[in-house]
Amino acid sequence: MTSSDSGQRPGEHMSAEVAEQPAVLAGLVDRRKDIAEVARSIAARPPRFALLAARGSSDHAALYAKYLIEVLLGLPAGLVSPSTATLYGAKPDLRDVLLISVSQSGGSPDLLEVTEAARRQGALTVSVSNTPSSPLHSAAELAVDIGAGTENAVAATKTYTATLMALYLLIDAVRGGDATEVATIGERAQRALDSTEDAVSRAVDRYRFVERVITTGRGYSYASAAESALKLAETSYLAARAYSGADLLHGPVAAVDRETAVLAVTSAGRGGAAMHDVLDAVSGRGADVLAVGSAAATMPAALRVEVPETAEEVAPILEILPIQRLALGLALARGGDPDRPRGLQKVTRTR
């Protein structure tokens, strides 16, 4: 059934869910005491390192959490390869290890199996999900409910930013923080959406016929670059590829030319500052650069989408908002329906 058959306009769900994010984020801050309880349990059993298990958009949220854990907690952290458990039956020694499984639905069989196996192998397991009744929440020793509400569009928007917010609140609480940097996140998210509307519309007009996109960022914003590529691929069917700014210069830049659009996520801080040389290089090869973030105004770019500045570790929660709107706008301009991308379902079950 198409959107017109069901009486819904293309992109109606995605548009509404993008707009809900300021309230969802503010609500999470209001409920931070629940997350702090989980953090206290983690702090009572200090891990020697952390592992993160996730797929899809949740994998990009896990990448963000990896930076948070390594920078804010000073712990080594890594992303799990679920197939080592599901396909190869590996049983590593996970005593004194923290495993955080991130899944919006909590229904992916491979993440469930990884979590169950890790718990048997001695890990302290934590589920971060939007579905409190999910098997994943039951399998983990501790659980964090991101509380984003029902998400009808296939492309994750509010569940993605709510997952980022929940992970930040969890890790900040483990280190003894009081969430000062996100106290007004709902208001700043609203400004990020309202203040970028015109710039996003210009970007949609400029890039509606592009076919090849590279997304890039460094530090915390690398997760945003990865999520941006996924959003553009699944909603607009673009050939989009994400690279760390550093990795982009280690070879892939050779493929950049005048037919390439580069979406650079550049927020204030060390990661954004490190992007100047990267964008000088791709601009020199003729790429059309779109810079998004609180440092966009200082970047060599054809078009800029400026986002309100925050602490660098919080920036991914805001900088992705106009990019979601860009993906929505491009999908509609190219005749698609981002609520129902072809060949995709809301819950993807892998093993």
Protein backbone atom coordinates (compact mmCIF):
# COMPACT_ATOMS: atom_id res chain seq x y z
CA MET A 1 0.00 0.00 0.00
CA THR A 2 1.43 3.40 -0.98
CA SER A 3 1.20 6.57 1.09
CA SER A 4 -1.51 7.92 -1.20
CA ASP A 5 -3.46 4.66 -0.88
CA SER A 6 -3.38 4.92 2.92
CA GLY A 7 -4.28 8.62 2.94
CA GLN A 8 -0.87 9.64 4.29
CA ARG A 9 1.42 12.11 2.61
CA PRO A 10 4.92 10.86 1.76
CA GLY A 11 7.27 11.65 4.63
CA GLU A 12 4.44 12.54 7.01
CA HIS A 13 5.66 10.27 9.80
CA MET A 14 9.33 11.17 9.43
CA SER A 15 8.54 14.89 9.42
CA ALA A 16 6.44 14.61 12.58
CA GLU A 17 9.03 12.48 14.36
CA VAL A 18 11.86 14.88 13.53
CA ALA A 19 9.78 17.66 15.07
CA GLU A 20 9.14 15.65 18.26
CA GLN A 21 12.81 15.43 19.17
CA PRO A 22 13.17 18.53 21.38
CA ALA A 23 10.40 17.26 23.66
CA VAL A 24 11.79 13.70 23.68
CA LEU A 25 15.26 14.93 24.62
CA ALA A 26 13.94 17.21 27.35
CA GLY A 27 11.90 14.33 28.73
CA LEU A 28 14.99 12.15 28.99
CA VAL A 29 16.78 14.80 31.03
CA ASP A 30 13.76 14.97 33.32
CA ARG A 31 14.03 11.18 33.82
CA ARG A 32 17.78 11.10 34.33
CA LYS A 33 17.38 9.74 37.89
CA ASP A 34 16.27 6.40 36.42
CA ILE A 35 19.39 6.28 34.25
CA ALA A 36 21.56 7.38 37.18
CA GLU A 37 20.36 4.30 39.09
CA VAL A 38 21.76 2.09 36.35
CA ALA A 39 24.97 4.13 36.36
CA ARG A 40 25.39 3.57 40.10
CA SER A 41 25.19 -0.18 39.57
CA ILE A 42 27.91 0.07 36.92
CA ALA A 43 30.12 2.25 39.12
CA ALA A 44 29.76 -0.27 41.95
CA ARG A 45 31.35 -2.92 39.70
CA PRO A 46 34.06 -0.91 37.90
CA PRO A 47 34.81 -2.57 34.53
CA ARG A 48 38.29 -2.95 33.10
CA PHE A 49 36.96 -2.15 29.64
CA ALA A 50 33.68 -1.77 27.77
CA LEU A 51 32.13 -3.42 24.73
CA LEU A 52 29.19 -2.13 22.68
CA ALA A 53 26.88 -4.29 20.56
CA ALA A 54 24.52 -2.76 18.00
CA ARG A 55 23.34 -2.73 14.39
CA GLY A 56 22.27 0.01 11.94
CA SER A 57 21.59 3.46 13.42
CA SER A 58 22.14 2.00 16.87
CA ASP A 59 25.67 1.05 15.79
CA HIS A 60 26.37 4.72 15.13
CA ALA A 61 25.02 5.57 18.59
CA ALA A 62 27.36 2.90 19.95
CA LEU A 63 30.28 4.52 18.11
CA TYR A 64 29.37 7.79 19.86
CA ALA A 65 29.31 5.96 23.19
CA LYS A 66 32.74 4.50 22.43
CA TYR A 67 34.16 8.02 22.27
CA LEU A 68 32.32 8.99 25.46
CA ILE A 69 33.66 5.98 27.35
CA GLU A 70 37.24 6.40 26.19
CA VAL A 71 37.39 10.18 26.66
CA LEU A 72 35.14 10.79 29.68
CA LEU A 73 35.72 7.55 31.61
CA GLY A 74 39.26 6.79 30.47
CA LEU A 75 38.36 3.17 29.71
CA PRO A 76 39.24 1.26 26.55
CA ALA A 77 36.11 0.48 24.55
CA GLY A 78 35.33 -1.50 21.44
CA LEU A 79 32.48 -2.38 19.10
CA VAL A 80 31.41 -6.03 19.17
CA SER A 81 31.28 -8.15 16.03
CA PRO A 82 28.07 -10.12 16.80
CA SER A 83 28.94 -12.90 14.35
CA THR A 84 31.84 -14.01 16.55
CA ALA A 85 29.20 -15.27 18.96
CA THR A 86 26.27 -16.04 16.65
CA LEU A 87 28.13 -17.73 13.79
CA TYR A 88 31.39 -18.88 15.35
CA GLY A 89 30.33 -19.58 18.92
CA ALA A 90 33.28 -17.69 20.45
CA LYS A 91 33.31 -17.61 24.25
CA PRO A 92 35.78 -14.91 25.33
CA ASP A 93 36.50 -14.28 29.01
CA LEU A 94 34.30 -11.26 29.82
CA ARG A 95 34.78 -11.06 33.56
CA ASP A 96 34.96 -7.42 34.71
CA VAL A 97 33.75 -6.26 31.30
CA LEU A 98 30.82 -3.93 30.68
CA LEU A 99 28.69 -4.88 27.65
CA ILE A 100 26.16 -2.29 26.47
CA SER A 101 23.71 -3.60 23.88
CA VAL A 102 21.99 -0.84 21.92
CA SER A 103 18.83 -1.59 19.94
CA GLN A 104 15.84 0.65 19.29
CA SER A 105 13.48 -2.31 18.99
CA GLY A 106 15.31 -4.72 21.28
CA GLY A 107 14.22 -7.44 18.87
CA SER A 108 17.29 -8.33 16.81
CA PRO A 109 18.16 -12.01 17.42
CA ASP A 110 21.91 -11.49 17.07
CA LEU A 111 22.04 -8.76 19.74
CA LEU A 112 19.92 -10.90 22.04
CA GLU A 113 22.25 -13.85 21.56
CA VAL A 114 25.35 -11.69 22.11
CA THR A 115 23.90 -10.27 25.32
CA GLU A 116 22.94 -13.67 26.68
CA ALA A 117 26.35 -15.11 25.80
CA ALA A 118 28.20 -12.16 27.35
CA ARG A 119 26.26 -12.49 30.57
CA ARG A 120 27.14 -16.19 30.75
CA GLN A 121 30.78 -15.27 30.22
CA GLY A 122 30.80 -12.91 33.18
CA ALA A 123 30.06 -9.49 31.68
CA LEU A 124 27.90 -6.87 33.34
CA THR A 125 25.23 -6.44 30.65
CA VAL A 126 23.18 -3.31 30.00
CA SER A 127 20.37 -2.94 27.45
CA VAL A 128 19.60 0.47 25.93
CA SER A 129 16.34 0.27 23.99
CA ASN A 130 13.08 2.00 23.13
CA THR A 131 11.06 -1.12 23.94
CA PRO A 132 10.95 -1.93 27.68
CA SER A 133 9.11 -5.20 27.02
CA SER A 134 11.71 -6.44 24.53
CA PRO A 135 13.62 -9.71 24.90
CA LEU A 136 16.84 -7.69 25.02
CA HIS A 137 15.75 -5.81 28.14
CA SER A 138 14.91 -9.13 29.78
CA ALA A 139 18.22 -10.69 28.80
CA ALA A 140 20.40 -7.91 30.22
CA GLU A 141 21.13 -7.48 33.90
CA LEU A 142 20.44 -3.73 33.72
CA ALA A 143 18.19 -1.77 31.35
CA VAL A 144 17.82 1.80 30.12
CA ASP A 145 14.55 2.83 28.47
CA ILE A 146 15.12 5.70 26.03
CA GLY A 147 11.40 6.57 26.09
CA ALA A 148 11.10 8.03 22.59
CA GLY A 149 7.59 6.71 22.00
CA THR A 150 6.36 4.87 18.92
CA GLU A 151 8.32 5.61 15.76
CA ASN A 152 6.36 4.90 12.57
CA ALA A 153 8.80 5.96 9.87
CA VAL A 154 11.28 3.27 8.88
CA ALA A 155 14.19 5.73 9.10
CA ALA A 156 15.16 6.27 12.74
CA THR A 157 15.12 9.91 13.84
CA LYS A 158 13.82 10.49 17.35
CA THR A 159 14.90 7.03 18.51
CA TYR A 160 18.42 7.77 17.29
CA THR A 161 18.84 11.08 19.12
CA ALA A 162 17.11 9.68 22.21
CA THR A 163 19.60 6.82 22.20
CA LEU A 164 22.49 9.30 22.01
CA MET A 165 20.96 11.26 24.87
CA ALA A 166 20.43 8.16 27.01
CA LEU A 167 24.00 6.98 26.43
CA TYR A 168 25.39 10.41 27.32
CA LEU A 169 23.32 10.56 30.51
CA LEU A 170 24.42 7.04 31.46
CA ILE A 171 28.12 7.60 30.90
CA ASP A 172 28.06 11.08 32.44
CA ALA A 173 26.40 9.61 35.55
CA VAL A 174 28.98 6.81 35.77
CA ARG A 175 31.71 9.46 36.04
CA GLY A 176 29.72 11.30 38.71
CA GLY A 177 28.43 14.08 36.43
CA ASP A 178 25.18 15.98 36.94
CA ALA A 179 24.11 16.41 33.29
CA THR A 180 24.90 20.13 33.35
CA GLU A 181 25.85 20.19 29.67
CA VAL A 182 22.41 18.92 28.61
CA ALA A 183 20.21 20.74 31.08
CA THR A 184 18.64 22.84 28.29
CA ILE A 185 19.04 20.33 25.47
CA GLY A 186 15.34 20.48 24.52
CA GLU A 187 15.49 24.23 23.94
CA ARG A 188 18.74 23.98 22.00
CA ALA A 189 17.36 21.17 19.85
CA GLN A 190 14.37 23.34 18.97
CA ARG A 191 16.71 26.18 18.00
CA ALA A 192 18.78 23.76 15.93
CA LEU A 193 15.67 22.80 13.95
CA ASP A 194 14.18 26.30 13.66
CA SER A 195 17.39 28.18 12.81
CA THR A 196 18.49 25.77 10.06
CA GLU A 197 15.25 25.45 8.11
CA ASP A 198 16.20 27.90 5.35
CA ALA A 199 19.73 26.55 4.97
CA VAL A 200 18.42 22.98 4.72
CA SER A 201 15.97 24.05 2.01
CA ARG A 202 18.86 25.56 0.05
CA ALA A 203 20.82 22.35 0.47
CA VAL A 204 17.90 20.27 -0.82
CA ASP A 205 17.73 22.46 -3.94
CA ARG A 206 21.48 22.24 -4.45
CA TYR A 207 21.91 18.49 -3.98
CA ARG A 208 18.63 16.99 -5.21
CA PHE A 209 20.27 15.58 -8.35
CA VAL A 210 23.52 14.41 -6.79
CA GLU A 211 24.24 10.69 -6.96
CA ARG A 212 27.49 10.27 -5.02
CA VAL A 213 28.01 11.60 -1.50
CA ILE A 214 30.84 11.25 0.98
CA THR A 215 30.07 12.09 4.59
CA THR A 216 32.90 12.83 6.98
CA GLY A 217 33.69 13.99 10.49
CA ARG A 218 36.20 13.48 13.25
CA GLY A 219 36.01 12.66 16.93
CA TYR A 220 32.50 12.57 18.35
CA SER A 221 31.14 13.80 15.00
CA TYR A 222 32.37 10.71 13.15
CA ALA A 223 29.24 8.96 14.49
CA SER A 224 27.13 11.73 12.93
CA ALA A 225 28.88 11.27 9.60
CA ALA A 226 28.12 7.54 9.68
CA GLU A 227 24.47 8.16 10.55
CA SER A 228 24.22 10.82 7.82
CA ALA A 229 25.38 8.36 5.16
CA LEU A 230 22.83 5.80 6.32
CA LYS A 231 19.99 8.34 6.30
CA LEU A 232 20.83 9.51 2.77
CA ALA A 233 21.16 5.94 1.50
CA GLU A 234 17.96 4.56 3.02
CA THR A 235 15.69 7.54 2.31
CA SER A 236 17.05 8.94 -0.98
CA TYR A 237 18.83 5.83 -2.33
CA LEU A 238 22.06 7.78 -2.71
CA ALA A 239 25.45 6.11 -2.99
CA ALA A 240 26.65 7.54 0.32
CA ARG A 241 29.82 6.48 2.12
CA ALA A 242 31.08 7.67 5.51
CA TYR A 243 34.74 8.18 6.40
CA SER A 244 36.60 9.56 9.34
CA GLY A 245 38.26 12.75 8.16
CA ALA A 246 41.63 11.14 8.87
CA ASP A 247 40.79 7.96 6.92
CA LEU A 248 39.47 10.00 4.01
CA LEU A 249 42.94 11.45 3.48
CA HIS A 250 44.52 7.97 3.63
CA GLY A 251 43.40 6.98 0.16
CA PRO A 252 39.67 7.53 -0.55
CA VAL A 253 40.30 11.23 -1.31
CA ALA A 254 41.73 10.02 -4.64
CA ALA A 255 38.17 9.20 -5.75
CA VAL A 256 36.87 12.69 -4.95
CA ASP A 257 36.18 14.95 -7.94
CA ARG A 258 33.73 17.56 -9.20
CA GLU A 259 30.95 14.97 -9.30
CA THR A 260 31.28 14.34 -5.55
CA ALA A 261 29.26 16.04 -2.84
CA VAL A 262 30.91 16.03 0.58
CA LEU A 263 28.78 16.43 3.71
CA ALA A 264 31.16 17.44 6.49
CA VAL A 265 30.00 17.37 10.11
CA THR A 266 32.05 20.06 11.83
CA SER A 267 31.22 21.13 15.36
CA ALA A 268 33.29 23.34 17.65
CA GLY A 269 36.05 21.45 19.44
CA ARG A 270 39.09 19.36 18.61
CA GLY A 271 37.26 17.15 16.12
CA GLY A 272 35.92 20.10 14.16
CA ALA A 273 39.26 21.88 14.18
CA ALA A 274 40.88 18.77 12.68
CA MET A 275 38.54 18.97 9.68
CA HIS A 276 40.06 22.13 8.14
CA ASP A 277 42.84 20.27 6.33
CA VAL A 278 40.41 17.58 5.20
CA LEU A 279 38.03 20.08 3.61
CA ASP A 280 40.89 22.02 2.05
CA ALA A 281 41.93 18.76 0.37
CA VAL A 282 38.49 17.78 -0.98
CA SER A 283 37.71 21.36 -2.03
CA GLY A 284 40.98 21.43 -3.91
CA ARG A 285 39.82 18.37 -5.86
CA GLY A 286 36.64 20.17 -6.91
CA ALA A 287 34.17 18.55 -4.48
CA ASP A 288 31.03 20.46 -3.54
CA VAL A 289 31.19 20.72 0.26
CA LEU A 290 28.25 21.12 2.62
CA ALA A 291 29.42 21.90 6.16
CA VAL A 292 27.01 21.19 9.02
CA GLY A 293 27.60 21.95 12.69
CA SER A 294 28.53 24.68 15.13
CA ALA A 295 31.89 25.22 13.38
CA ALA A 296 30.41 25.31 9.86
CA ALA A 297 30.93 29.07 9.50
CA THR A 298 34.72 28.64 9.67
CA MET A 299 34.94 25.82 7.11
CA PRO A 300 35.79 26.01 3.39
CA ALA A 301 32.41 25.03 1.95
CA ALA A 302 29.96 25.86 -0.81
CA LEU A 303 27.05 25.81 1.63
CA ARG A 304 26.86 25.90 5.43
CA VAL A 305 24.25 24.81 7.96
CA GLU A 306 25.13 26.32 11.34
CA VAL A 307 23.95 24.61 14.53
CA PRO A 308 23.97 26.10 18.07
CA GLU A 309 27.23 25.43 19.89
CA THR A 310 27.43 22.98 22.80
CA ALA A 311 30.13 21.08 24.63
CA GLU A 312 31.84 18.93 22.00
CA GLU A 313 30.71 15.65 23.55
CA VAL A 314 27.07 16.76 23.27
CA ALA A 315 27.27 18.09 19.69
CA PRO A 316 26.18 14.84 17.94
CA ILE A 317 22.76 15.13 19.56
CA LEU A 318 22.15 18.46 17.80
CA GLU A 319 24.20 18.32 14.58
CA ILE A 320 22.25 15.36 13.22
CA LEU A 321 18.91 17.21 13.40
CA PRO A 322 19.25 19.35 10.24
CA ILE A 323 20.81 16.37 8.45
CA GLN A 324 17.67 14.34 9.16
CA ARG A 325 15.67 17.20 7.64
CA LEU A 326 18.03 17.20 4.65
CA ALA A 327 17.48 13.46 4.11
CA LEU A 328 13.72 13.98 4.37
CA GLY A 329 13.76 16.89 1.92
CA LEU A 330 15.98 15.12 -0.61
CA ALA A 331 13.83 11.99 -0.52
CA LEU A 332 10.69 14.00 -1.25
CA ALA A 333 12.39 16.11 -3.92
CA ARG A 334 13.54 12.92 -5.66
CA GLY A 335 10.02 11.47 -5.62
CA GLY A 336 10.42 8.99 -2.78
CA ASP A 337 8.65 8.30 0.48
CA PRO A 338 11.11 8.26 3.39
CA ASP A 339 8.46 6.73 5.63
CA ARG A 340 8.58 3.54 3.56
CA PRO A 341 11.93 3.09 1.81
CA ARG A 342 11.90 0.27 -0.70
CA GLY A 343 13.00 -3.11 0.59
CA LEU A 344 13.20 -2.04 4.25
CA GLN A 345 11.22 -2.83 7.37
CA LYS A 346 11.20 -1.09 10.74
CA VAL A 347 12.73 -4.08 12.54
CA THR A 348 15.58 -5.89 10.80
CA ARG A 349 16.27 -9.36 12.17
CA THR A 350 19.78 -10.66 11.63
CA ARG A 351 21.90 -13.35 13.17
